[in-house]
Amino acid sequence: MSKIKNKIVVMSGKGGVGKSTVAVNLAL
């Protein structure tokens, strides 16, 4: 982890909000 400048978690309180799609498109 010391070689990674920024570690960002993408989370939600519930399922069905498109969290993984958001995470993928943020990465891109």
mmCIF file of all heavy atoms, coordinates in Angstrom:
data_MODEL
# 
_entry.id   MODEL 
# 
loop_
_atom_site.group_PDB 
_atom_site.id 
_atom_site.type_symbol 
_atom_site.label_atom_id 
_atom_site.label_alt_id 
_atom_site.label_comp_id 
_atom_site.label_asym_id 
_atom_site.label_entity_id 
_atom_site.label_seq_id 
_atom_site.pdbx_PDB_ins_code 
_atom_site.Cartn_x 
_atom_site.Cartn_y 
_atom_site.Cartn_z 
_atom_site.occupancy 
_atom_site.B_iso_or_equiv 
_atom_site.pdbx_formal_charge 
_atom_site.auth_seq_id 
_atom_site.auth_comp_id 
_atom_site.auth_asym_id 
_atom_site.auth_atom_id 
_atom_site.pdbx_PDB_model_num 
ATOM 1   N N   . MET A 1 1  ? 0.805   -1.211 0.000   1.00 0.00 ? 1  MET A N   1 
ATOM 2   C CA  . MET A 1 1  ? 0.000   0.000  0.000   1.00 0.00 ? 1  MET A CA  1 
ATOM 3   C C   . MET A 1 1  ? 0.846   1.273  0.000   1.00 0.00 ? 1  MET A C   1 
ATOM 4   O O   . MET A 1 1  ? 0.383   2.326  -0.438  1.00 0.00 ? 1  MET A O   1 
ATOM 5   C CB  . MET A 1 1  ? -0.938  0.010  1.210   1.00 0.00 ? 1  MET A CB  1 
ATOM 6   C CG  . MET A 1 1  ? -2.005  -1.091 1.188   1.00 0.00 ? 1  MET A CG  1 
ATOM 7   S SD  . MET A 1 1  ? -3.181  -0.968 -0.195  1.00 0.00 ? 1  MET A SD  1 
ATOM 8   C CE  . MET A 1 1  ? -2.587  -2.325 -1.248  1.00 0.00 ? 1  MET A CE  1 
ATOM 9   N N   . SER A 1 2  ? 2.086   1.189  0.467   1.00 0.00 ? 2  SER A N   1 
ATOM 10  C CA  . SER A 1 2  ? 2.961   2.369  0.498   1.00 0.00 ? 2  SER A CA  1 
ATOM 11  C C   . SER A 1 2  ? 3.306   2.865  -0.905  1.00 0.00 ? 2  SER A C   1 
ATOM 12  O O   . SER A 1 2  ? 3.708   4.016  -1.083  1.00 0.00 ? 2  SER A O   1 
ATOM 13  C CB  . SER A 1 2  ? 4.242   2.059  1.271   1.00 0.00 ? 2  SER A CB  1 
ATOM 14  O OG  . SER A 1 2  ? 5.057   1.135  0.561   1.00 0.00 ? 2  SER A OG  1 
ATOM 15  N N   . LYS A 1 3  ? 3.131   2.007  -1.898  1.00 0.00 ? 3  LYS A N   1 
ATOM 16  C CA  . LYS A 1 3  ? 3.428   2.386  -3.280  1.00 0.00 ? 3  LYS A CA  1 
ATOM 17  C C   . LYS A 1 3  ? 2.232   3.010  -3.987  1.00 0.00 ? 3  LYS A C   1 
ATOM 18  O O   . LYS A 1 3  ? 2.312   3.378  -5.154  1.00 0.00 ? 3  LYS A O   1 
ATOM 19  C CB  . LYS A 1 3  ? 3.899   1.158  -4.061  1.00 0.00 ? 3  LYS A CB  1 
ATOM 20  C CG  . LYS A 1 3  ? 5.195   0.549  -3.527  1.00 0.00 ? 3  LYS A CG  1 
ATOM 21  C CD  . LYS A 1 3  ? 5.599   -0.668 -4.344  1.00 0.00 ? 3  LYS A CD  1 
ATOM 22  C CE  . LYS A 1 3  ? 6.894   -1.278 -3.811  1.00 0.00 ? 3  LYS A CE  1 
ATOM 23  N NZ  . LYS A 1 3  ? 7.304   -2.461 -4.601  1.00 0.00 ? 3  LYS A NZ  1 
ATOM 24  N N   . ILE A 1 4  ? 1.110   3.094  -3.263  1.00 0.00 ? 4  ILE A N   1 
ATOM 25  C CA  . ILE A 1 4  ? -0.126  3.633  -3.839  1.00 0.00 ? 4  ILE A CA  1 
ATOM 26  C C   . ILE A 1 4  ? -0.422  4.978  -3.181  1.00 0.00 ? 4  ILE A C   1 
ATOM 27  O O   . ILE A 1 4  ? -0.596  5.061  -1.969  1.00 0.00 ? 4  ILE A O   1 
ATOM 28  C CB  . ILE A 1 4  ? -1.295  2.659  -3.625  1.00 0.00 ? 4  ILE A CB  1 
ATOM 29  C CG1 . ILE A 1 4  ? -0.978  1.308  -4.270  1.00 0.00 ? 4  ILE A CG1 1 
ATOM 30  C CG2 . ILE A 1 4  ? -2.578  3.244  -4.194  1.00 0.00 ? 4  ILE A CG2 1 
ATOM 31  C CD1 . ILE A 1 4  ? -1.964  0.217  -3.932  1.00 0.00 ? 4  ILE A CD1 1 
ATOM 32  N N   . LYS A 1 5  ? -0.488  6.028  -3.992  1.00 0.00 ? 5  LYS A N   1 
ATOM 33  C CA  . LYS A 1 5  ? -0.644  7.371  -3.446  1.00 0.00 ? 5  LYS A CA  1 
ATOM 34  C C   . LYS A 1 5  ? -2.010  7.582  -2.796  1.00 0.00 ? 5  LYS A C   1 
ATOM 35  O O   . LYS A 1 5  ? -2.116  8.158  -1.714  1.00 0.00 ? 5  LYS A O   1 
ATOM 36  C CB  . LYS A 1 5  ? -0.427  8.402  -4.555  1.00 0.00 ? 5  LYS A CB  1 
ATOM 37  C CG  . LYS A 1 5  ? 0.987   8.439  -5.097  1.00 0.00 ? 5  LYS A CG  1 
ATOM 38  C CD  . LYS A 1 5  ? 1.118   9.454  -6.224  1.00 0.00 ? 5  LYS A CD  1 
ATOM 39  C CE  . LYS A 1 5  ? 2.520   9.440  -6.816  1.00 0.00 ? 5  LYS A CE  1 
ATOM 40  N NZ  . LYS A 1 5  ? 2.632   10.366 -7.985  1.00 0.00 ? 5  LYS A NZ  1 
ATOM 41  N N   . ASN A 1 6  ? -3.062  7.144  -3.468  1.00 0.00 ? 6  ASN A N   1 
ATOM 42  C CA  . ASN A 1 6  ? -4.416  7.391  -2.974  1.00 0.00 ? 6  ASN A CA  1 
ATOM 43  C C   . ASN A 1 6  ? -5.238  6.109  -2.989  1.00 0.00 ? 6  ASN A C   1 
ATOM 44  O O   . ASN A 1 6  ? -5.307  5.425  -4.016  1.00 0.00 ? 6  ASN A O   1 
ATOM 45  C CB  . ASN A 1 6  ? -5.118  8.443  -3.851  1.00 0.00 ? 6  ASN A CB  1 
ATOM 46  C CG  . ASN A 1 6  ? -4.382  9.765  -3.873  1.00 0.00 ? 6  ASN A CG  1 
ATOM 47  O OD1 . ASN A 1 6  ? -4.374  10.494 -2.880  1.00 0.00 ? 6  ASN A OD1 1 
ATOM 48  N ND2 . ASN A 1 6  ? -3.770  10.090 -5.006  1.00 0.00 ? 6  ASN A ND2 1 
ATOM 49  N N   . LYS A 1 7  ? -5.831  5.785  -1.834  1.00 0.00 ? 7  LYS A N   1 
ATOM 50  C CA  . LYS A 1 7  ? -6.701  4.617  -1.720  1.00 0.00 ? 7  LYS A CA  1 
ATOM 51  C C   . LYS A 1 7  ? -8.130  5.106  -1.433  1.00 0.00 ? 7  LYS A C   1 
ATOM 52  O O   . LYS A 1 7  ? -8.378  5.693  -0.383  1.00 0.00 ? 7  LYS A O   1 
ATOM 53  C CB  . LYS A 1 7  ? -6.236  3.702  -0.588  1.00 0.00 ? 7  LYS A CB  1 
ATOM 54  C CG  . LYS A 1 7  ? -5.029  2.848  -0.931  1.00 0.00 ? 7  LYS A CG  1 
ATOM 55  C CD  . LYS A 1 7  ? -3.702  3.535  -0.738  1.00 0.00 ? 7  LYS A CD  1 
ATOM 56  C CE  . LYS A 1 7  ? -3.333  3.729  0.703   1.00 0.00 ? 7  LYS A CE  1 
ATOM 57  N NZ  . LYS A 1 7  ? -1.970  4.315  0.870   1.00 0.00 ? 7  LYS A NZ  1 
ATOM 58  N N   . ILE A 1 8  ? -9.038  4.857  -2.379  1.00 0.00 ? 8  ILE A N   1 
ATOM 59  C CA  . ILE A 1 8  ? -10.400 5.367  -2.263  1.00 0.00 ? 8  ILE A CA  1 
ATOM 60  C C   . ILE A 1 8  ? -11.381 4.205  -2.215  1.00 0.00 ? 8  ILE A C   1 
ATOM 61  O O   . ILE A 1 8  ? -11.378 3.346  -3.099  1.00 0.00 ? 8  ILE A O   1 
ATOM 62  C CB  . ILE A 1 8  ? -10.750 6.276  -3.456  1.00 0.00 ? 8  ILE A CB  1 
ATOM 63  C CG1 . ILE A 1 8  ? -9.811  7.494  -3.495  1.00 0.00 ? 8  ILE A CG1 1 
ATOM 64  C CG2 . ILE A 1 8  ? -12.208 6.730  -3.386  1.00 0.00 ? 8  ILE A CG2 1 
ATOM 65  C CD1 . ILE A 1 8  ? -9.970  8.346  -4.730  1.00 0.00 ? 8  ILE A CD1 1 
ATOM 66  N N   . VAL A 1 9  ? -12.218 4.171  -1.192  1.00 0.00 ? 9  VAL A N   1 
ATOM 67  C CA  . VAL A 1 9  ? -13.259 3.143  -1.116  1.00 0.00 ? 9  VAL A CA  1 
ATOM 68  C C   . VAL A 1 9  ? -14.561 3.704  -1.656  1.00 0.00 ? 9  VAL A C   1 
ATOM 69  O O   . VAL A 1 9  ? -14.902 4.871  -1.420  1.00 0.00 ? 9  VAL A O   1 
ATOM 70  C CB  . VAL A 1 9  ? -13.457 2.616  0.328   1.00 0.00 ? 9  VAL A CB  1 
ATOM 71  C CG1 . VAL A 1 9  ? -12.191 1.980  0.846   1.00 0.00 ? 9  VAL A CG1 1 
ATOM 72  C CG2 . VAL A 1 9  ? -13.912 3.718  1.266   1.00 0.00 ? 9  VAL A CG2 1 
ATOM 73  N N   . VAL A 1 10 ? -15.270 2.886  -2.433  1.00 0.00 ? 10 VAL A N   1 
ATOM 74  C CA  . VAL A 1 10 ? -16.586 3.251  -2.959  1.00 0.00 ? 10 VAL A CA  1 
ATOM 75  C C   . VAL A 1 10 ? -17.592 2.347  -2.262  1.00 0.00 ? 10 VAL A C   1 
ATOM 76  O O   . VAL A 1 10 ? -17.512 1.122  -2.366  1.00 0.00 ? 10 VAL A O   1 
ATOM 77  C CB  . VAL A 1 10 ? -16.657 3.064  -4.488  1.00 0.00 ? 10 VAL A CB  1 
ATOM 78  C CG1 . VAL A 1 10 ? -18.047 3.446  -5.000  1.00 0.00 ? 10 VAL A CG1 1 
ATOM 79  C CG2 . VAL A 1 10 ? -15.585 3.904  -5.178  1.00 0.00 ? 10 VAL A CG2 1 
ATOM 80  N N   . MET A 1 11 ? -18.516 2.942  -1.527  1.00 0.00 ? 11 MET A N   1 
ATOM 81  C CA  . MET A 1 11 ? -19.421 2.149  -0.709  1.00 0.00 ? 11 MET A CA  1 
ATOM 82  C C   . MET A 1 11 ? -20.849 2.685  -0.805  1.00 0.00 ? 11 MET A C   1 
ATOM 83  O O   . MET A 1 11 ? -21.094 3.765  -1.348  1.00 0.00 ? 11 MET A O   1 
ATOM 84  C CB  . MET A 1 11 ? -18.942 2.141  0.746   1.00 0.00 ? 11 MET A CB  1 
ATOM 85  C CG  . MET A 1 11 ? -18.829 3.507  1.390   1.00 0.00 ? 11 MET A CG  1 
ATOM 86  S SD  . MET A 1 11 ? -18.007 3.481  3.010   1.00 0.00 ? 11 MET A SD  1 
ATOM 87  C CE  . MET A 1 11 ? -19.084 2.372  3.922   1.00 0.00 ? 11 MET A CE  1 
ATOM 88  N N   . SER A 1 12 ? -21.781 1.894  -0.250  1.00 0.00 ? 12 SER A N   1 
ATOM 89  C CA  . SER A 1 12 ? -23.182 2.313  -0.216  1.00 0.00 ? 12 SER A CA  1 
ATOM 90  C C   . SER A 1 12 ? -23.832 1.654  0.983   1.00 0.00 ? 12 SER A C   1 
ATOM 91  O O   . SER A 1 12 ? -23.339 0.666  1.513   1.00 0.00 ? 12 SER A O   1 
ATOM 92  C CB  . SER A 1 12 ? -23.912 1.905  -1.496  1.00 0.00 ? 12 SER A CB  1 
ATOM 93  O OG  . SER A 1 12 ? -23.974 0.498  -1.599  1.00 0.00 ? 12 SER A OG  1 
ATOM 94  N N   . GLY A 1 13 ? -24.943 2.204  1.400   1.00 0.00 ? 13 GLY A N   1 
ATOM 95  C CA  . GLY A 1 13 ? -25.658 1.606  2.517   1.00 0.00 ? 13 GLY A CA  1 
ATOM 96  C C   . GLY A 1 13 ? -26.489 0.407  2.096   1.00 0.00 ? 13 GLY A C   1 
ATOM 97  O O   . GLY A 1 13 ? -26.823 -0.433 2.918   1.00 0.00 ? 13 GLY A O   1 
ATOM 98  N N   . LYS A 1 14 ? -26.840 0.319  0.807   1.00 0.00 ? 14 LYS A N   1 
ATOM 99  C CA  . LYS A 1 14 ? -27.707 -0.736 0.315   1.00 0.00 ? 14 LYS A CA  1 
ATOM 100 C C   . LYS A 1 14 ? -27.307 -1.118 -1.105  1.00 0.00 ? 14 LYS A C   1 
ATOM 101 O O   . LYS A 1 14 ? -26.582 -0.395 -1.767  1.00 0.00 ? 14 LYS A O   1 
ATOM 102 C CB  . LYS A 1 14 ? -29.173 -0.301 0.347   1.00 0.00 ? 14 LYS A CB  1 
ATOM 103 C CG  . LYS A 1 14 ? -29.487 0.853  -0.595  1.00 0.00 ? 14 LYS A CG  1 
ATOM 104 C CD  . LYS A 1 14 ? -30.941 1.302  -0.470  1.00 0.00 ? 14 LYS A CD  1 
ATOM 105 C CE  . LYS A 1 14 ? -31.928 0.280  -0.949  1.00 0.00 ? 14 LYS A CE  1 
ATOM 106 N NZ  . LYS A 1 14 ? -31.797 -0.015 -2.394  1.00 0.00 ? 14 LYS A NZ  1 
ATOM 107 N N   . GLY A 1 15 ? -27.816 -2.258 -1.536  1.00 0.00 ? 15 GLY A N   1 
ATOM 108 C CA  . GLY A 1 15 ? -27.563 -2.695 -2.890  1.00 0.00 ? 15 GLY A CA  1 
ATOM 109 C C   . GLY A 1 15 ? -28.502 -2.027 -3.886  1.00 0.00 ? 15 GLY A C   1 
ATOM 110 O O   . GLY A 1 15 ? -29.457 -1.331 -3.508  1.00 0.00 ? 15 GLY A O   1 
ATOM 111 N N   . GLY A 1 16 ? -28.227 -2.227 -5.166  1.00 0.00 ? 16 GLY A N   1 
ATOM 112 C CA  . GLY A 1 16 ? -29.114 -1.728 -6.199  1.00 0.00 ? 16 GLY A CA  1 
ATOM 113 C C   . GLY A 1 16 ? -28.969 -0.273 -6.550  1.00 0.00 ? 16 GLY A C   1 
ATOM 114 O O   . GLY A 1 16 ? -29.821 0.295  -7.235  1.00 0.00 ? 16 GLY A O   1 
ATOM 115 N N   . VAL A 1 17 ? -27.881 0.365  -6.100  1.00 0.00 ? 17 VAL A N   1 
ATOM 116 C CA  . VAL A 1 17 ? -27.693 1.794  -6.397  1.00 0.00 ? 17 VAL A CA  1 
ATOM 117 C C   . VAL A 1 17 ? -26.658 2.021  -7.498  1.00 0.00 ? 17 VAL A C   1 
ATOM 118 O O   . VAL A 1 17 ? -26.327 3.162  -7.816  1.00 0.00 ? 17 VAL A O   1 
ATOM 119 C CB  . VAL A 1 17 ? -27.304 2.588  -5.129  1.00 0.00 ? 17 VAL A CB  1 
ATOM 120 C CG1 . VAL A 1 17 ? -28.400 2.483  -4.079  1.00 0.00 ? 17 VAL A CG1 1 
ATOM 121 C CG2 . VAL A 1 17 ? -25.967 2.132  -4.570  1.00 0.00 ? 17 VAL A CG2 1 
ATOM 122 N N   . GLY A 1 18 ? -26.118 0.943  -8.070  1.00 0.00 ? 18 GLY A N   1 
ATOM 123 C CA  . GLY A 1 18 ? -25.144 1.089  -9.143  1.00 0.00 ? 18 GLY A CA  1 
ATOM 124 C C   . GLY A 1 18 ? -23.737 1.379  -8.663  1.00 0.00 ? 18 GLY A C   1 
ATOM 125 O O   . GLY A 1 18 ? -22.934 1.964  -9.388  1.00 0.00 ? 18 GLY A O   1 
ATOM 126 N N   . LYS A 1 19 ? -23.419 0.922  -7.464  1.00 0.00 ? 19 LYS A N   1 
ATOM 127 C CA  . LYS A 1 19 ? -22.119 1.229  -6.863  1.00 0.00 ? 19 LYS A CA  1 
ATOM 128 C C   . LYS A 1 19 ? -20.943 0.692  -7.679  1.00 0.00 ? 19 LYS A C   1 
ATOM 129 O O   . LYS A 1 19 ? -19.947 1.393  -7.890  1.00 0.00 ? 19 LYS A O   1 
ATOM 130 C CB  . LYS A 1 19 ? -22.087 0.683  -5.439  1.00 0.00 ? 19 LYS A CB  1 
ATOM 131 C CG  . LYS A 1 19 ? -20.742 0.803  -4.732  1.00 0.00 ? 19 LYS A CG  1 
ATOM 132 C CD  . LYS A 1 19 ? -20.774 0.099  -3.404  1.00 0.00 ? 19 LYS A CD  1 
ATOM 133 C CE  . LYS A 1 19 ? -21.282 -1.311 -3.517  1.00 0.00 ? 19 LYS A CE  1 
ATOM 134 N NZ  . LYS A 1 19 ? -20.504 -2.155 -4.464  1.00 0.00 ? 19 LYS A NZ  1 
ATOM 135 N N   . SER A 1 20 ? -21.029 -0.566 -8.128  1.00 0.00 ? 20 SER A N   1 
ATOM 136 C CA  . SER A 1 20 ? -19.923 -1.152 -8.886  1.00 0.00 ? 20 SER A CA  1 
ATOM 137 C C   . SER A 1 20 ? -19.735 -0.444 -10.226 1.00 0.00 ? 20 SER A C   1 
ATOM 138 O O   . SER A 1 20 ? -18.602 -0.227 -10.673 1.00 0.00 ? 20 SER A O   1 
ATOM 139 C CB  . SER A 1 20 ? -20.161 -2.647 -9.115  1.00 0.00 ? 20 SER A CB  1 
ATOM 140 O OG  . SER A 1 20 ? -20.109 -3.350 -7.886  1.00 0.00 ? 20 SER A OG  1 
ATOM 141 N N   . THR A 1 21 ? -20.835 -0.080 -10.862 1.00 0.00 ? 21 THR A N   1 
ATOM 142 C CA  . THR A 1 21 ? -20.746 0.674  -12.111 1.00 0.00 ? 21 THR A CA  1 
ATOM 143 C C   . THR A 1 21 ? -20.068 2.014  -11.875 1.00 0.00 ? 21 THR A C   1 
ATOM 144 O O   . THR A 1 21 ? -19.240 2.464  -12.674 1.00 0.00 ? 21 THR A O   1 
ATOM 145 C CB  . THR A 1 21 ? -22.149 0.890  -12.710 1.00 0.00 ? 21 THR A CB  1 
ATOM 146 O OG1 . THR A 1 21 ? -22.735 -0.380 -12.997 1.00 0.00 ? 21 THR A OG1 1 
ATOM 147 C CG2 . THR A 1 21 ? -22.082 1.703  -13.986 1.00 0.00 ? 21 THR A CG2 1 
ATOM 148 N N   . VAL A 1 22 ? -20.395 2.658  -10.767 1.00 0.00 ? 22 VAL A N   1 
ATOM 149 C CA  . VAL A 1 22 ? -19.751 3.924  -10.419 1.00 0.00 ? 22 VAL A CA  1 
ATOM 150 C C   . VAL A 1 22 ? -18.253 3.707  -10.175 1.00 0.00 ? 22 VAL A C   1 
ATOM 151 O O   . VAL A 1 22 ? -17.417 4.462  -10.673 1.00 0.00 ? 22 VAL A O   1 
ATOM 152 C CB  . VAL A 1 22 ? -20.413 4.554  -9.171  1.00 0.00 ? 22 VAL A CB  1 
ATOM 153 C CG1 . VAL A 1 22 ? -19.571 5.714  -8.638  1.00 0.00 ? 22 VAL A CG1 1 
ATOM 154 C CG2 . VAL A 1 22 ? -21.812 5.041  -9.504  1.00 0.00 ? 22 VAL A CG2 1 
ATOM 155 N N   . ALA A 1 23 ? -17.907 2.663  -9.425  1.00 0.00 ? 23 ALA A N   1 
ATOM 156 C CA  . ALA A 1 23 ? -16.501 2.389  -9.127  1.00 0.00 ? 23 ALA A CA  1 
ATOM 157 C C   . ALA A 1 23 ? -15.704 2.157  -10.406 1.00 0.00 ? 23 ALA A C   1 
ATOM 158 O O   . ALA A 1 23 ? -14.592 2.688  -10.575 1.00 0.00 ? 23 ALA A O   1 
ATOM 159 C CB  . ALA A 1 23 ? -16.383 1.184  -8.197  1.00 0.00 ? 23 ALA A CB  1 
ATOM 160 N N   . VAL A 1 24 ? -16.253 1.349  -11.304 1.00 0.00 ? 24 VAL A N   1 
ATOM 161 C CA  . VAL A 1 24 ? -15.562 1.046  -12.572 1.00 0.00 ? 24 VAL A CA  1 
ATOM 162 C C   . VAL A 1 24 ? -15.361 2.315  -13.393 1.00 0.00 ? 24 VAL A C   1 
ATOM 163 O O   . VAL A 1 24 ? -14.271 2.571  -13.921 1.00 0.00 ? 24 VAL A O   1 
ATOM 164 C CB  . VAL A 1 24 ? -16.359 0.000  -13.374 1.00 0.00 ? 24 VAL A CB  1 
ATOM 165 C CG1 . VAL A 1 24 ? -15.899 -0.051 -14.829 1.00 0.00 ? 24 VAL A CG1 1 
ATOM 166 C CG2 . VAL A 1 24 ? -16.199 -1.372 -12.733 1.00 0.00 ? 24 VAL A CG2 1 
ATOM 167 N N   . ASN A 1 25 ? -16.394 3.121  -13.509 1.00 0.00 ? 25 ASN A N   1 
ATOM 168 C CA  . ASN A 1 25 ? -16.279 4.320  -14.333 1.00 0.00 ? 25 ASN A CA  1 
ATOM 169 C C   . ASN A 1 25 ? -15.435 5.408  -13.677 1.00 0.00 ? 25 ASN A C   1 
ATOM 170 O O   . ASN A 1 25 ? -14.817 6.217  -14.377 1.00 0.00 ? 25 ASN A O   1 
ATOM 171 C CB  . ASN A 1 25 ? -17.673 4.841  -14.699 1.00 0.00 ? 25 ASN A CB  1 
ATOM 172 C CG  . ASN A 1 25 ? -18.304 4.031  -15.815 1.00 0.00 ? 25 ASN A CG  1 
ATOM 173 O OD1 . ASN A 1 25 ? -17.945 4.171  -16.980 1.00 0.00 ? 25 ASN A OD1 1 
ATOM 174 N ND2 . ASN A 1 25 ? -19.231 3.151  -15.458 1.00 0.00 ? 25 ASN A ND2 1 
ATOM 175 N N   . LEU A 1 26 ? -15.365 5.427  -12.351 1.00 0.00 ? 26 LEU A N   1 
ATOM 176 C CA  . LEU A 1 26 ? -14.422 6.327  -11.684 1.00 0.00 ? 26 LEU A CA  1 
ATOM 177 C C   . LEU A 1 26 ? -12.984 5.909  -11.998 1.00 0.00 ? 26 LEU A C   1 
ATOM 178 O O   . LEU A 1 26 ? -12.132 6.753  -12.303 1.00 0.00 ? 26 LEU A O   1 
ATOM 179 C CB  . LEU A 1 26 ? -14.646 6.315  -10.170 1.00 0.00 ? 26 LEU A CB  1 
ATOM 180 C CG  . LEU A 1 26 ? -15.815 7.128  -9.625  1.00 0.00 ? 26 LEU A CG  1 
ATOM 181 C CD1 . LEU A 1 26 ? -15.895 6.961  -8.105  1.00 0.00 ? 26 LEU A CD1 1 
ATOM 182 C CD2 . LEU A 1 26 ? -15.672 8.610  -9.983  1.00 0.00 ? 26 LEU A CD2 1 
ATOM 183 N N   . ALA A 1 27 ? -12.718 4.606  -11.922 1.00 0.00 ? 27 ALA A N   1 
ATOM 184 C CA  . ALA A 1 27 ? -11.379 4.104  -12.238 1.00 0.00 ? 27 ALA A CA  1 
ATOM 185 C C   . ALA A 1 27 ? -10.990 4.481  -13.667 1.00 0.00 ? 27 ALA A C   1 
ATOM 186 O O   . ALA A 1 27 ? -9.862  4.922  -13.933 1.00 0.00 ? 27 ALA A O   1 
ATOM 187 C CB  . ALA A 1 27 ? -11.323 2.592  -12.041 1.00 0.00 ? 27 ALA A CB  1 
ATOM 188 N N   . LEU A 1 28 ? -11.923 4.312  -14.592 1.00 0.00 ? 28 LEU A N   1 
ATOM 189 C CA  . LEU A 1 28 ? -11.647 4.651  -15.992 1.00 0.00 ? 28 LEU A CA  1 
ATOM 190 C C   . LEU A 1 28 ? -11.468 6.152  -16.173 1.00 0.00 ? 28 LEU A C   1 
ATOM 191 O O   . LEU A 1 28 ? -10.631 6.589  -16.974 1.00 0.00 ? 28 LEU A O   1 
ATOM 192 C CB  . LEU A 1 28 ? -12.786 4.141  -16.871 1.00 0.00 ? 28 LEU A CB  1 
ATOM 193 C CG  . LEU A 1 28 ? -12.761 2.630  -17.099 1.00 0.00 ? 28 LEU A CG  1 
ATOM 194 C CD1 . LEU A 1 28 ? -14.142 2.127  -17.465 1.00 0.00 ? 28 LEU A CD1 1 
ATOM 195 C CD2 . LEU A 1 28 ? -11.774 2.280  -18.206 1.00 0.00 ? 28 LEU A CD2 1 
# 
